[in-house]
Amino acid sequence: MVIGGQSVTFWQVGELPAVLDAFEAAINAGELDPQLTGSTPAGHSLPLERLAPQ
């Protein structure tokens, strides 16, 4: 769905726990690291220290 020119995703409230669990698993597996540190907008929106605090 597009709202205000931006793509958005909606989940039913009952699906949210499973979505968050899958998101956490992807983060812990390092699947999102290239998107956070690469040349994507997300990679440039925060300093690396905030993305991966030591």
PDB file of N, CA and C in Angstrom:
ATOM      1  N   MET A   1       0.842  -1.159   0.000  1.00  0.00           N
ATOM      2  CA  MET A   1       0.000   0.000   0.000  1.00  0.00           C
ATOM      3  C   MET A   1       0.896   1.234   0.000  1.00  0.00           C
ATOM      4  N   VAL A   2       0.483   2.268  -0.698  1.00  0.00           N
ATOM      5  CA  VAL A   2       1.245   3.515  -0.757  1.00  0.00           C
ATOM      6  C   VAL A   2       0.413   4.629  -0.118  1.00  0.00           C
ATOM      7  N   ILE A   3       1.031   5.306   0.844  1.00  0.00           N
ATOM      8  CA  ILE A   3       0.395   6.446   1.512  1.00  0.00           C
ATOM      9  C   ILE A   3       1.370   7.609   1.449  1.00  0.00           C
ATOM     10  N   GLY A   4       0.931   8.722   0.923  1.00  0.00           N
ATOM     11  CA  GLY A   4       1.788   9.898   0.837  1.00  0.00           C
ATOM     12  C   GLY A   4       3.057   9.643   0.051  1.00  0.00           C
ATOM     13  N   GLY A   5       2.980   8.784  -0.953  1.00  0.00           N
ATOM     14  CA  GLY A   5       4.135   8.492  -1.781  1.00  0.00           C
ATOM     15  C   GLY A   5       5.115   7.501  -1.166  1.00  0.00           C
ATOM     16  N   GLN A   6       4.809   6.978   0.023  1.00  0.00           N
ATOM     17  CA  GLN A   6       5.683   6.028   0.705  1.00  0.00           C
ATOM     18  C   GLN A   6       5.001   4.664   0.785  1.00  0.00           C
ATOM     19  N   SER A   7       5.776   3.626   0.556  1.00  0.00           N
ATOM     20  CA  SER A   7       5.258   2.270   0.687  1.00  0.00           C
ATOM     21  C   SER A   7       5.129   1.923   2.170  1.00  0.00           C
ATOM     22  N   VAL A   8       3.985   1.413   2.568  1.00  0.00           N
ATOM     23  CA  VAL A   8       3.752   1.026   3.965  1.00  0.00           C
ATOM     24  C   VAL A   8       3.200  -0.392   4.011  1.00  0.00           C
ATOM     25  N   THR A   9       3.416  -1.038   5.130  1.00  0.00           N
ATOM     26  CA  THR A   9       2.927  -2.397   5.336  1.00  0.00           C
ATOM     27  C   THR A   9       2.094  -2.422   6.605  1.00  0.00           C
ATOM     28  N   PHE A  10       0.984  -3.136   6.551  1.00  0.00           N
ATOM     29  CA  PHE A  10       0.121  -3.284   7.720  1.00  0.00           C
ATOM     30  C   PHE A  10       0.009  -4.749   8.076  1.00  0.00           C
ATOM     31  N   TRP A  11      -0.009  -5.036   9.387  1.00  0.00           N
ATOM     32  CA  TRP A  11      -0.259  -6.384   9.875  1.00  0.00           C
ATOM     33  C   TRP A  11      -1.428  -6.328  10.835  1.00  0.00           C
ATOM     34  N   GLN A  12      -2.178  -7.412  10.884  1.00  0.00           N
ATOM     35  CA  GLN A  12      -3.227  -7.520  11.885  1.00  0.00           C
ATOM     36  C   GLN A  12      -2.555  -7.681  13.239  1.00  0.00           C
ATOM     37  N   VAL A  13      -3.192  -7.172  14.274  1.00  0.00           N
ATOM     38  CA  VAL A  13      -2.588  -7.174  15.603  1.00  0.00           C
ATOM     39  C   VAL A  13      -2.196  -8.592  16.044  1.00  0.00           C
ATOM     40  N   GLY A  14      -2.949  -9.594  15.658  1.00  0.00           N
ATOM     41  CA  GLY A  14      -2.635 -10.964  16.038  1.00  0.00           C
ATOM     42  C   GLY A  14      -1.386 -11.512  15.363  1.00  0.00           C
ATOM     43  N   GLU A  15      -0.996 -10.894  14.243  1.00  0.00           N
ATOM     44  CA  GLU A  15       0.201 -11.328  13.510  1.00  0.00           C
ATOM     45  C   GLU A  15       1.468 -10.650  14.013  1.00  0.00           C
ATOM     46  N   LEU A  16       1.327  -9.562  14.742  1.00  0.00           N
ATOM     47  CA  LEU A  16       2.486  -8.767  15.126  1.00  0.00           C
ATOM     48  C   LEU A  16       3.532  -9.534  15.941  1.00  0.00           C
ATOM     49  N   PRO A  17       3.165 -10.343  16.935  1.00  0.00           N
ATOM     50  CA  PRO A  17       4.206 -11.075  17.671  1.00  0.00           C
ATOM     51  C   PRO A  17       5.069 -11.961  16.760  1.00  0.00           C
ATOM     52  N   ALA A  18       4.473 -12.642  15.806  1.00  0.00           N
ATOM     53  CA  ALA A  18       5.242 -13.485  14.897  1.00  0.00           C
ATOM     54  C   ALA A  18       6.126 -12.642  13.979  1.00  0.00           C
ATOM     55  N   VAL A  19       5.633 -11.493  13.538  1.00  0.00           N
ATOM     56  CA  VAL A  19       6.418 -10.592  12.689  1.00  0.00           C
ATOM     57  C   VAL A  19       7.635 -10.090  13.462  1.00  0.00           C
ATOM     58  N   LEU A  20       7.425  -9.685  14.706  1.00  0.00           N
ATOM     59  CA  LEU A  20       8.533  -9.193  15.518  1.00  0.00           C
ATOM     60  C   LEU A  20       9.539 -10.297  15.825  1.00  0.00           C
ATOM     61  N   ASP A  21       9.066 -11.507  16.079  1.00  0.00           N
ATOM     62  CA  ASP A  21       9.966 -12.642  16.311  1.00  0.00           C
ATOM     63  C   ASP A  21      10.823 -12.910  15.075  1.00  0.00           C
ATOM     64  N   ALA A  22      10.206 -12.872  13.896  1.00  0.00           N
ATOM     65  CA  ALA A  22      10.947 -13.112  12.658  1.00  0.00           C
ATOM     66  C   ALA A  22      11.945 -11.984  12.406  1.00  0.00           C
ATOM     67  N   PHE A  23      11.557 -10.755  12.707  1.00  0.00           N
ATOM     68  CA  PHE A  23      12.447  -9.612  12.538  1.00  0.00           C
ATOM     69  C   PHE A  23      13.652  -9.733  13.473  1.00  0.00           C
ATOM     70  N   GLU A  24      13.398 -10.093  14.727  1.00  0.00           N
ATOM     71  CA  GLU A  24      14.483 -10.266  15.693  1.00  0.00           C
ATOM     72  C   GLU A  24      15.431 -11.381  15.243  1.00  0.00           C
ATOM     73  N   ALA A  25      14.880 -12.488  14.744  1.00  0.00           N
ATOM     74  CA  ALA A  25      15.713 -13.594  14.275  1.00  0.00           C
ATOM     75  C   ALA A  25      16.586 -13.158  13.100  1.00  0.00           C
ATOM     76  N   ALA A  26      16.029 -12.366  12.201  1.00  0.00           N
ATOM     77  CA  ALA A  26      16.797 -11.874  11.050  1.00  0.00           C
ATOM     78  C   ALA A  26      17.918 -10.950  11.514  1.00  0.00           C
ATOM     79  N   ILE A  27      17.627 -10.106  12.489  1.00  0.00           N
ATOM     80  CA  ILE A  27      18.655  -9.212  13.027  1.00  0.00           C
ATOM     81  C   ILE A  27      19.765 -10.029  13.680  1.00  0.00           C
ATOM     82  N   ASN A  28      19.395 -10.976  14.533  1.00  0.00           N
ATOM     83  CA  ASN A  28      20.385 -11.791  15.236  1.00  0.00           C
ATOM     84  C   ASN A  28      21.210 -12.649  14.288  1.00  0.00           C
ATOM     85  N   ALA A  29      20.640 -13.029  13.157  1.00  0.00           N
ATOM     86  CA  ALA A  29      21.362 -13.832  12.171  1.00  0.00           C
ATOM     87  C   ALA A  29      22.247 -12.974  11.264  1.00  0.00           C
ATOM     88  N   GLY A  30      22.175 -11.647  11.438  1.00  0.00           N
ATOM     89  CA  GLY A  30      22.994 -10.756  10.628  1.00  0.00           C
ATOM     90  C   GLY A  30      22.449 -10.505   9.238  1.00  0.00           C
ATOM     91  N   GLU A  31      21.209 -10.904   8.997  1.00  0.00           N
ATOM     92  CA  GLU A  31      20.632 -10.761   7.660  1.00  0.00           C
ATOM     93  C   GLU A  31      20.421  -9.308   7.246  1.00  0.00           C
ATOM     94  N   LEU A  32      20.293  -8.410   8.205  1.00  0.00           N
ATOM     95  CA  LEU A  32      20.031  -7.007   7.876  1.00  0.00           C
ATOM     96  C   LEU A  32      21.292  -6.152   7.894  1.00  0.00           C
ATOM     97  N   ASP A  33      22.420  -6.721   8.320  1.00  0.00           N
ATOM     98  CA  ASP A  33      23.656  -5.946   8.418  1.00  0.00           C
ATOM     99  C   ASP A  33      24.014  -5.224   7.119  1.00  0.00           C
ATOM    100  N   PRO A  34      23.965  -5.884   5.960  1.00  0.00           N
ATOM    101  CA  PRO A  34      24.323  -5.169   4.727  1.00  0.00           C
ATOM    102  C   PRO A  34      23.423  -3.966   4.461  1.00  0.00           C
ATOM    103  N   GLN A  35      22.168  -4.052   4.859  1.00  0.00           N
ATOM    104  CA  GLN A  35      21.258  -2.928   4.633  1.00  0.00           C
ATOM    105  C   GLN A  35      21.552  -1.775   5.588  1.00  0.00           C
ATOM    106  N   LEU A  36      22.055  -2.090   6.767  1.00  0.00           N
ATOM    107  CA  LEU A  36      22.326  -1.049   7.755  1.00  0.00           C
ATOM    108  C   LEU A  36      23.663  -0.364   7.541  1.00  0.00           C
ATOM    109  N   THR A  37      24.621  -1.066   6.960  1.00  0.00           N
ATOM    110  CA  THR A  37      25.954  -0.499   6.799  1.00  0.00           C
ATOM    111  C   THR A  37      26.296  -0.209   5.352  1.00  0.00           C
ATOM    112  N   GLY A  38      25.423  -0.545   4.434  1.00  0.00           N
ATOM    113  CA  GLY A  38      25.691  -0.331   3.020  1.00  0.00           C
ATOM    114  C   GLY A  38      25.331   1.057   2.563  1.00  0.00           C
ATOM    115  N   SER A  39      25.085   1.173   1.281  1.00  0.00           N
ATOM    116  CA  SER A  39      24.809   2.490   0.700  1.00  0.00           C
ATOM    117  C   SER A  39      23.319   2.796   0.645  1.00  0.00           C
ATOM    118  N   THR A  40      22.516   2.061   1.404  1.00  0.00           N
ATOM    119  CA  THR A  40      21.080   2.324   1.432  1.00  0.00           C
ATOM    120  C   THR A  40      20.800   3.540   2.300  1.00  0.00           C
ATOM    121  N   PRO A  41      19.641   4.151   2.176  1.00  0.00           N
ATOM    122  CA  PRO A  41      19.304   5.277   3.050  1.00  0.00           C
ATOM    123  C   PRO A  41      19.425   4.923   4.530  1.00  0.00           C
ATOM    124  N   ALA A  42      19.055   3.685   4.918  1.00  0.00           N
ATOM    125  CA  ALA A  42      19.156   3.298   6.324  1.00  0.00           C
ATOM    126  C   ALA A  42      20.598   3.334   6.789  1.00  0.00           C
ATOM    127  N   GLY A  43      21.514   2.961   5.916  1.00  0.00           N
ATOM    128  CA  GLY A  43      22.920   2.958   6.274  1.00  0.00           C
ATOM    129  C   GLY A  43      23.497   4.349   6.467  1.00  0.00           C
ATOM    130  N   HIS A  44      22.820   5.349   5.954  1.00  0.00           N
ATOM    131  CA  HIS A  44      23.316   6.708   6.071  1.00  0.00           C
ATOM    132  C   HIS A  44      22.493   7.546   7.038  1.00  0.00           C
ATOM    133  N   SER A  45      21.464   6.966   7.626  1.00  0.00           N
ATOM    134  CA  SER A  45      20.591   7.767   8.472  1.00  0.00           C
ATOM    135  C   SER A  45      21.078   7.852   9.911  1.00  0.00           C
ATOM    136  N   LEU A  46      21.887   6.886  10.346  1.00  0.00           N
ATOM    137  CA  LEU A  46      22.393   6.883  11.715  1.00  0.00           C
ATOM    138  C   LEU A  46      23.885   6.591  11.707  1.00  0.00           C
ATOM    139  N   PRO A  47      24.608   7.135  12.664  1.00  0.00           N
ATOM    140  CA  PRO A  47      26.020   6.782  12.767  1.00  0.00           C
ATOM    141  C   PRO A  47      26.157   5.292  13.125  1.00  0.00           C
ATOM    142  N   LEU A  48      27.240   4.665  12.680  1.00  0.00           N
ATOM    143  CA  LEU A  48      27.459   3.255  12.941  1.00  0.00           C
ATOM    144  C   LEU A  48      27.400   2.938  14.431  1.00  0.00           C
ATOM    145  N   GLU A  49      27.860   3.869  15.281  1.00  0.00           N
ATOM    146  CA  GLU A  49      27.843   3.645  16.726  1.00  0.00           C
ATOM    147  C   GLU A  49      26.418   3.446  17.248  1.00  0.00           C
ATOM    148  N   ARG A  50      25.456   4.081  16.608  1.00  0.00           N
ATOM    149  CA  ARG A  50      24.059   3.925  17.030  1.00  0.00           C
ATOM    150  C   ARG A  50      23.460   2.654  16.455  1.00  0.00           C
ATOM    151  N   LEU A  51      23.962   2.206  15.302  1.00  0.00           N
ATOM    152  CA  LEU A  51      23.450   0.984  14.703  1.00  0.00           C
ATOM    153  C   LEU A  51      23.988  -0.255  15.414  1.00  0.00           C
ATOM    154  N   ALA A  52      25.236  -0.178  15.860  1.00  0.00           N
ATOM    155  CA  ALA A  52      25.877  -1.331  16.490  1.00  0.00           C
ATOM    156  C   ALA A  52      26.671  -0.858  17.697  1.00  0.00           C
ATOM    157  N   PRO A  53      25.979  -0.495  18.801  1.00  0.00           N
ATOM    158  CA  PRO A  53      26.699  -0.007  19.973  1.00  0.00           C
ATOM    159  C   PRO A  53      27.650  -1.056  20.523  1.00  0.00           C
ATOM    160  N   GLN A  54      28.795  -0.612  20.973  1.00  0.00           N
ATOM    161  CA  GLN A  54      29.812  -1.542  21.511  1.00  0.00           C
ATOM    162  C   GLN A  54      29.573  -1.811  22.970  1.00  0.00           C
TER     163      GLN A  54
END
